[in-house]
N, C-alpha and C. Protein backbone atom coordinates (compact mmCIF):
# COMPACT_ATOMS: atom_id res chain seq x y z
N MET A 1 87.57 100.19 100.41
CA MET A 1 87.46 99.02 101.25
C MET A 1 86.99 99.47 102.64
N GLN A 2 86.14 98.67 103.24
CA GLN A 2 85.62 98.99 104.55
C GLN A 2 86.36 98.21 105.64
N ALA A 3 86.49 98.84 106.79
CA ALA A 3 87.09 98.20 107.96
C ALA A 3 86.44 98.83 109.20
N TYR A 4 86.64 98.19 110.35
CA TYR A 4 86.04 98.68 111.59
C TYR A 4 86.93 99.76 112.20
N CYS A 5 86.34 100.91 112.49
CA CYS A 5 87.06 102.01 113.13
C CYS A 5 86.82 101.92 114.63
N MET A 6 87.89 101.84 115.40
CA MET A 6 87.78 101.72 116.86
C MET A 6 87.28 103.01 117.50
N LYS A 7 87.57 104.15 116.91
CA LYS A 7 87.15 105.43 117.47
C LYS A 7 85.68 105.71 117.17
N CYS A 8 85.24 105.47 115.94
CA CYS A 8 83.84 105.70 115.54
C CYS A 8 82.92 104.55 116.00
N ARG A 9 83.52 103.39 116.27
CA ARG A 9 82.78 102.18 116.65
C ARG A 9 81.78 101.75 115.58
N ALA A 10 82.23 101.79 114.34
CA ALA A 10 81.39 101.39 113.21
C ALA A 10 82.28 101.06 112.02
N LYS A 11 81.71 100.34 111.05
CA LYS A 11 82.45 100.08 109.81
C LYS A 11 82.45 101.35 108.99
N LYS A 12 83.63 101.75 108.56
CA LYS A 12 83.79 102.97 107.76
C LYS A 12 84.67 102.65 106.56
N GLU A 13 84.64 103.53 105.60
CA GLU A 13 85.46 103.40 104.40
C GLU A 13 86.89 103.86 104.72
N MET A 14 87.88 103.07 104.27
CA MET A 14 89.28 103.43 104.47
C MET A 14 89.78 104.25 103.29
N LYS A 15 90.65 105.20 103.58
CA LYS A 15 91.31 105.95 102.52
C LYS A 15 92.82 105.83 102.72
N ASP A 16 93.60 106.23 101.74
CA ASP A 16 95.06 106.11 101.75
C ASP A 16 95.50 104.67 102.02
N LEU A 17 94.95 103.74 101.23
CA LEU A 17 95.23 102.32 101.41
C LEU A 17 96.69 101.98 101.09
N GLU A 18 97.23 101.05 101.88
CA GLU A 18 98.61 100.61 101.71
C GLU A 18 98.68 99.13 102.06
N SER A 19 99.24 98.32 101.18
CA SER A 19 99.40 96.89 101.46
C SER A 19 100.65 96.68 102.30
N VAL A 20 100.53 95.86 103.34
CA VAL A 20 101.66 95.55 104.21
C VAL A 20 101.72 94.04 104.42
N THR A 21 102.91 93.54 104.75
CA THR A 21 103.09 92.14 105.06
C THR A 21 103.50 92.03 106.52
N LEU A 22 102.80 91.17 107.26
CA LEU A 22 103.08 90.99 108.68
C LEU A 22 104.32 90.11 108.87
N LYS A 23 104.81 90.04 110.10
CA LYS A 23 106.00 89.24 110.39
C LYS A 23 105.81 87.76 110.08
N ASN A 24 104.58 87.27 110.23
CA ASN A 24 104.33 85.85 109.96
C ASN A 24 104.04 85.57 108.49
N GLY A 25 104.11 86.59 107.62
CA GLY A 25 103.95 86.39 106.19
C GLY A 25 102.57 86.69 105.66
N ARG A 26 101.59 86.92 106.52
CA ARG A 26 100.23 87.22 106.05
C ARG A 26 100.17 88.64 105.50
N THR A 27 99.23 88.87 104.60
CA THR A 27 99.05 90.20 104.02
C THR A 27 97.97 90.95 104.79
N ALA A 28 98.05 92.27 104.75
CA ALA A 28 97.07 93.11 105.42
C ALA A 28 96.98 94.44 104.68
N THR A 29 95.94 95.18 104.98
CA THR A 29 95.74 96.50 104.40
C THR A 29 95.66 97.53 105.53
N GLN A 30 96.38 98.62 105.36
CA GLN A 30 96.42 99.67 106.36
C GLN A 30 95.95 100.96 105.71
N GLY A 31 95.20 101.77 106.47
CA GLY A 31 94.71 103.03 105.94
C GLY A 31 94.23 103.92 107.06
N THR A 32 93.48 104.96 106.69
CA THR A 32 92.93 105.87 107.68
C THR A 32 91.42 105.97 107.50
N CYS A 33 90.73 106.28 108.59
CA CYS A 33 89.27 106.41 108.57
C CYS A 33 88.90 107.66 107.78
N SER A 34 87.88 107.55 106.95
CA SER A 34 87.46 108.70 106.15
C SER A 34 86.75 109.75 107.00
N SER A 35 86.22 109.37 108.17
CA SER A 35 85.51 110.32 109.02
C SER A 35 86.43 111.03 110.01
N CYS A 36 87.18 110.24 110.81
CA CYS A 36 87.94 110.85 111.91
C CYS A 36 89.45 110.85 111.70
N GLY A 37 89.96 110.10 110.74
CA GLY A 37 91.39 110.11 110.45
C GLY A 37 92.21 109.13 111.28
N THR A 38 91.56 108.27 112.05
CA THR A 38 92.25 107.28 112.87
C THR A 38 92.83 106.18 111.98
N LYS A 39 93.98 105.62 112.39
CA LYS A 39 94.59 104.52 111.65
C LYS A 39 93.69 103.30 111.71
N MET A 40 93.50 102.63 110.56
CA MET A 40 92.68 101.42 110.49
C MET A 40 93.52 100.30 109.89
N PHE A 41 93.15 99.07 110.21
CA PHE A 41 93.95 97.92 109.82
C PHE A 41 93.02 96.75 109.53
N LYS A 42 93.22 96.06 108.40
CA LYS A 42 92.40 94.89 108.08
C LYS A 42 93.33 93.78 107.62
N ILE A 43 93.29 92.66 108.33
CA ILE A 43 94.13 91.52 108.01
C ILE A 43 93.45 90.65 106.97
N GLY A 44 94.22 90.16 106.00
CA GLY A 44 93.72 89.18 105.07
C GLY A 44 93.39 89.70 103.69
N LYS A 45 93.20 90.96 103.49
CA LYS A 45 92.89 91.48 102.16
C LYS A 45 93.96 92.51 101.78
N ALA A 46 94.63 92.26 100.69
CA ALA A 46 95.69 93.15 100.28
C ALA A 46 95.33 93.86 99.00
């Protein structure tokens, strides 16, 4: 799954994907950037 990396300033592929639920009940996906290892977050796709 792709998400925007704030450090690379580009859309990159996420690795180590993990589904999380936010406080308001929405689902999100959390992972790390495949290039630099920064934490990435995408709301709405689990």
